[in-house]
């Protein structure tokens, strides 16, 4: 399923136009992104949690040459599925 398919499903389920459903989906993703940027955790009960982890700097290898290279420290977004979602997917 891609974003277009998701927008169609939201529009049908909520009796909205595709434009309204797209705006609602964009609002949700923008809000979650903004919260993660600030370092907050976003929890949707029954669905899961979005959070930020810090990845330490490390040494990697260039797969073509085999030479070591430095990989900088960074932050990464993560998602952990909630219990309800996990049970439904099984």
N, C-alpha and C. Protein backbone atom coordinates (compact mmCIF):
# COMPACT_ATOMS: atom_id res chain seq x y z
N UNK A 1 0.86 -1.18 0.00
CA UNK A 1 0.00 0.00 0.00
C UNK A 1 0.90 1.23 0.00
N UNK A 2 0.59 2.18 -0.86
CA UNK A 2 1.34 3.43 -0.88
C UNK A 2 0.46 4.58 -0.36
N UNK A 3 1.00 5.78 -0.39
CA UNK A 3 0.27 6.92 0.17
C UNK A 3 -1.06 7.15 -0.56
N UNK A 4 -1.07 7.01 -1.87
CA UNK A 4 -2.30 7.20 -2.63
C UNK A 4 -3.38 6.21 -2.24
N UNK A 5 -2.98 4.95 -2.05
CA UNK A 5 -3.93 3.92 -1.63
C UNK A 5 -4.47 4.23 -0.23
N UNK A 6 -3.58 4.67 0.65
CA UNK A 6 -3.98 5.01 2.02
C UNK A 6 -4.96 6.19 2.02
N UNK A 7 -4.69 7.19 1.20
CA UNK A 7 -5.59 8.35 1.11
C UNK A 7 -6.97 7.91 0.62
N UNK A 8 -7.02 7.04 -0.38
CA UNK A 8 -8.31 6.54 -0.89
C UNK A 8 -9.08 5.80 0.20
N UNK A 9 -8.38 4.97 0.98
CA UNK A 9 -9.02 4.20 2.04
C UNK A 9 -9.55 5.12 3.14
N UNK A 10 -8.75 6.11 3.53
CA UNK A 10 -9.19 7.07 4.55
C UNK A 10 -10.42 7.83 4.06
N UNK A 11 -10.37 8.29 2.80
CA UNK A 11 -11.48 9.04 2.23
C UNK A 11 -12.77 8.20 2.23
N UNK A 12 -12.64 6.94 1.86
CA UNK A 12 -13.82 6.06 1.82
C UNK A 12 -14.35 5.77 3.22
N UNK A 13 -13.46 5.46 4.16
CA UNK A 13 -13.89 5.12 5.52
C UNK A 13 -14.51 6.29 6.26
N UNK A 14 -13.99 7.49 6.04
CA UNK A 14 -14.44 8.67 6.79
C UNK A 14 -15.38 9.57 6.00
N UNK A 15 -15.75 9.12 4.81
CA UNK A 15 -16.65 9.89 3.94
C UNK A 15 -16.11 11.31 3.72
N UNK A 16 -14.83 11.38 3.32
CA UNK A 16 -14.16 12.64 3.01
C UNK A 16 -13.77 12.64 1.55
N UNK A 17 -13.44 13.81 1.04
CA UNK A 17 -12.88 13.86 -0.30
C UNK A 17 -11.43 13.40 -0.21
N UNK A 18 -10.86 13.03 -1.35
CA UNK A 18 -9.46 12.61 -1.35
C UNK A 18 -8.55 13.77 -0.93
N UNK A 19 -8.94 14.98 -1.27
CA UNK A 19 -8.16 16.16 -0.89
C UNK A 19 -8.16 16.34 0.62
N UNK A 20 -9.32 16.17 1.25
CA UNK A 20 -9.42 16.29 2.71
C UNK A 20 -8.64 15.16 3.40
N UNK A 21 -8.77 13.94 2.87
CA UNK A 21 -8.06 12.80 3.46
C UNK A 21 -6.55 12.99 3.33
N UNK A 22 -6.11 13.50 2.21
CA UNK A 22 -4.68 13.75 2.00
C UNK A 22 -4.17 14.82 2.96
N UNK A 23 -4.97 15.87 3.17
CA UNK A 23 -4.59 16.93 4.11
C UNK A 23 -4.51 16.38 5.54
N UNK A 24 -5.44 15.51 5.90
CA UNK A 24 -5.43 14.91 7.24
C UNK A 24 -4.20 14.03 7.43
N UNK A 25 -3.88 13.21 6.44
CA UNK A 25 -2.71 12.35 6.51
C UNK A 25 -1.42 13.18 6.58
N UNK A 26 -1.34 14.23 5.78
CA UNK A 26 -0.18 15.12 5.80
C UNK A 26 -0.03 15.78 7.17
N UNK A 27 -1.14 16.15 7.78
CA UNK A 27 -1.11 16.76 9.10
C UNK A 27 -0.56 15.79 10.14
N UNK A 28 -1.00 14.55 10.08
CA UNK A 28 -0.53 13.53 11.02
C UNK A 28 0.97 13.31 10.87
N UNK A 29 1.42 13.12 9.63
CA UNK A 29 2.85 12.87 9.42
C UNK A 29 3.71 14.07 9.78
N UNK A 30 3.23 15.27 9.50
CA UNK A 30 3.96 16.49 9.85
C UNK A 30 4.05 16.65 11.37
N UNK A 31 2.96 16.36 12.06
CA UNK A 31 2.94 16.47 13.52
C UNK A 31 3.88 15.46 14.16
N UNK A 32 3.86 14.23 13.68
CA UNK A 32 4.75 13.20 14.22
C UNK A 32 6.21 13.57 13.94
N UNK A 33 6.50 14.04 12.74
CA UNK A 33 7.85 14.46 12.38
C UNK A 33 8.34 15.59 13.27
N UNK A 34 7.48 16.57 13.50
CA UNK A 34 7.84 17.71 14.36
C UNK A 34 8.13 17.27 15.79
N UNK A 35 7.32 16.36 16.30
CA UNK A 35 7.54 15.87 17.67
C UNK A 35 8.86 15.11 17.76
N UNK A 36 9.15 14.27 16.78
CA UNK A 36 10.40 13.52 16.79
C UNK A 36 11.61 14.44 16.66
N UNK A 37 11.47 15.49 15.87
CA UNK A 37 12.55 16.46 15.72
C UNK A 37 12.89 17.12 17.05
N UNK A 38 11.87 17.35 17.88
CA UNK A 38 12.08 17.95 19.20
C UNK A 38 12.59 16.93 20.21
N UNK A 39 12.61 15.65 19.83
CA UNK A 39 13.06 14.61 20.74
C UNK A 39 11.95 13.97 21.54
N UNK A 40 10.70 14.30 21.22
CA UNK A 40 9.56 13.72 21.93
C UNK A 40 9.24 12.32 21.39
N UNK A 41 8.52 11.57 22.16
CA UNK A 41 8.04 10.24 21.77
C UNK A 41 6.56 10.38 21.44
N UNK A 42 6.11 9.72 20.38
CA UNK A 42 4.71 9.77 19.98
C UNK A 42 4.13 8.37 20.15
N UNK A 43 3.14 8.23 21.04
CA UNK A 43 2.53 6.94 21.32
C UNK A 43 1.07 6.95 20.89
N UNK A 44 0.71 6.00 20.06
CA UNK A 44 -0.68 5.81 19.64
C UNK A 44 -1.12 4.48 20.25
N UNK A 45 -1.91 4.56 21.33
CA UNK A 45 -2.33 3.38 22.07
C UNK A 45 -2.99 2.37 21.12
N UNK A 46 -2.55 1.15 21.19
CA UNK A 46 -3.09 0.09 20.35
C UNK A 46 -2.40 -0.02 19.00
N UNK A 47 -1.63 0.98 18.61
CA UNK A 47 -0.94 0.96 17.32
C UNK A 47 0.56 0.81 17.51
N UNK A 48 1.17 1.77 18.21
CA UNK A 48 2.61 1.70 18.44
C UNK A 48 3.19 3.03 18.84
N UNK A 49 4.52 3.08 18.90
CA UNK A 49 5.23 4.28 19.33
C UNK A 49 6.32 4.65 18.33
N UNK A 50 6.43 5.93 18.09
CA UNK A 50 7.52 6.48 17.28
C UNK A 50 8.47 7.16 18.26
N UNK A 51 9.76 6.94 18.11
CA UNK A 51 10.73 7.56 19.00
C UNK A 51 12.05 7.75 18.27
N UNK A 52 12.96 8.50 18.89
CA UNK A 52 14.27 8.79 18.30
C UNK A 52 15.35 8.08 19.10
N UNK A 53 16.30 7.48 18.39
CA UNK A 53 17.45 6.86 19.03
C UNK A 53 18.71 7.56 18.53
N UNK A 54 19.73 7.58 19.39
CA UNK A 54 21.02 8.14 18.99
C UNK A 54 21.93 7.00 18.57
N UNK A 55 22.47 7.10 17.38
CA UNK A 55 23.41 6.10 16.88
C UNK A 55 24.82 6.64 17.05
N UNK A 56 25.66 5.90 17.69
CA UNK A 56 27.04 6.33 17.96
C UNK A 56 27.86 6.30 16.67
N UNK A 57 28.92 7.11 16.66
CA UNK A 57 29.85 7.07 15.54
C UNK A 57 30.53 5.71 15.53
N UNK A 58 30.84 5.23 14.34
CA UNK A 58 31.47 3.92 14.24
C UNK A 58 32.33 3.85 12.98
N UNK A 59 33.11 2.81 12.90
CA UNK A 59 33.93 2.58 11.73
C UNK A 59 33.27 1.51 10.88
N UNK A 60 33.10 1.82 9.60
CA UNK A 60 32.51 0.88 8.67
C UNK A 60 33.53 0.52 7.60
N UNK A 61 33.10 -0.21 6.60
CA UNK A 61 33.99 -0.58 5.50
C UNK A 61 33.30 -0.27 4.17
N UNK A 62 34.09 0.26 3.25
CA UNK A 62 33.61 0.46 1.90
C UNK A 62 33.53 -0.92 1.26
N UNK A 63 32.34 -1.36 0.82
CA UNK A 63 32.21 -2.72 0.29
C UNK A 63 32.98 -2.95 -1.01
N UNK A 64 33.24 -1.89 -1.77
CA UNK A 64 33.95 -2.05 -3.05
C UNK A 64 35.46 -2.17 -2.85
N UNK A 65 36.00 -1.35 -1.93
CA UNK A 65 37.45 -1.32 -1.75
C UNK A 65 37.91 -2.05 -0.49
N UNK A 66 37.01 -2.21 0.47
CA UNK A 66 37.37 -2.84 1.73
C UNK A 66 38.06 -1.89 2.70
N UNK A 67 38.26 -0.64 2.29
CA UNK A 67 38.93 0.33 3.16
C UNK A 67 37.99 0.77 4.28
N UNK A 68 38.54 0.99 5.48
CA UNK A 68 37.70 1.48 6.58
C UNK A 68 37.30 2.94 6.35
N UNK A 69 36.13 3.29 6.83
CA UNK A 69 35.67 4.67 6.76
C UNK A 69 34.90 5.00 8.02
N UNK A 70 34.89 6.27 8.37
CA UNK A 70 34.20 6.71 9.58
C UNK A 70 32.75 7.04 9.24
N UNK A 71 31.85 6.53 10.06
CA UNK A 71 30.42 6.83 9.92
C UNK A 71 30.06 7.71 11.11
N UNK A 72 29.57 8.90 10.82
CA UNK A 72 29.29 9.90 11.86
C UNK A 72 28.11 9.47 12.75
N UNK A 73 28.10 9.99 13.96
CA UNK A 73 26.97 9.78 14.87
C UNK A 73 25.76 10.50 14.30
N UNK A 74 24.59 9.95 14.56
CA UNK A 74 23.36 10.59 14.07
C UNK A 74 22.18 10.12 14.89
N UNK A 75 21.05 10.75 14.65
CA UNK A 75 19.79 10.34 15.27
C UNK A 75 18.97 9.63 14.21
N UNK A 76 18.19 8.65 14.65
CA UNK A 76 17.35 7.89 13.73
C UNK A 76 15.97 7.70 14.33
N UNK A 77 14.96 7.74 13.47
CA UNK A 77 13.58 7.51 13.91
C UNK A 77 13.32 6.01 13.96
N UNK A 78 12.57 5.58 14.95
CA UNK A 78 12.22 4.17 15.12
C UNK A 78 10.72 4.06 15.40
N UNK A 79 10.19 2.89 15.09
CA UNK A 79 8.79 2.58 15.38
C UNK A 79 8.75 1.23 16.06
N UNK A 80 8.01 1.15 17.15
CA UNK A 80 7.79 -0.11 17.85
C UNK A 80 6.29 -0.37 17.84
N UNK A 81 5.90 -1.48 17.25
CA UNK A 81 4.49 -1.83 17.18
C UNK A 81 3.92 -2.13 18.56
N UNK A 82 2.70 -1.70 18.80
CA UNK A 82 2.02 -1.97 20.06
C UNK A 82 1.50 -3.40 20.11
N UNK A 83 1.06 -3.81 21.27
CA UNK A 83 0.60 -5.19 21.47
C UNK A 83 -0.60 -5.52 20.59
N UNK A 84 -1.55 -4.60 20.48
CA UNK A 84 -2.76 -4.85 19.70
C UNK A 84 -2.39 -5.06 18.23
N UNK A 85 -1.56 -4.17 17.69
CA UNK A 85 -1.13 -4.29 16.30
C UNK A 85 -0.37 -5.59 16.08
N UNK A 86 0.51 -5.93 16.99
CA UNK A 86 1.30 -7.16 16.87
C UNK A 86 0.41 -8.39 16.84
N UNK A 87 -0.61 -8.42 17.69
CA UNK A 87 -1.54 -9.55 17.72
C UNK A 87 -2.33 -9.66 16.42
N UNK A 88 -2.75 -8.53 15.87
CA UNK A 88 -3.55 -8.55 14.64
C UNK A 88 -2.74 -8.97 13.43
N UNK A 89 -1.46 -8.71 13.44
CA UNK A 89 -0.62 -9.04 12.29
C UNK A 89 -0.26 -10.52 12.26
N UNK A 90 -0.24 -11.16 13.41
CA UNK A 90 0.13 -12.59 13.47
C UNK A 90 -0.73 -13.42 12.62
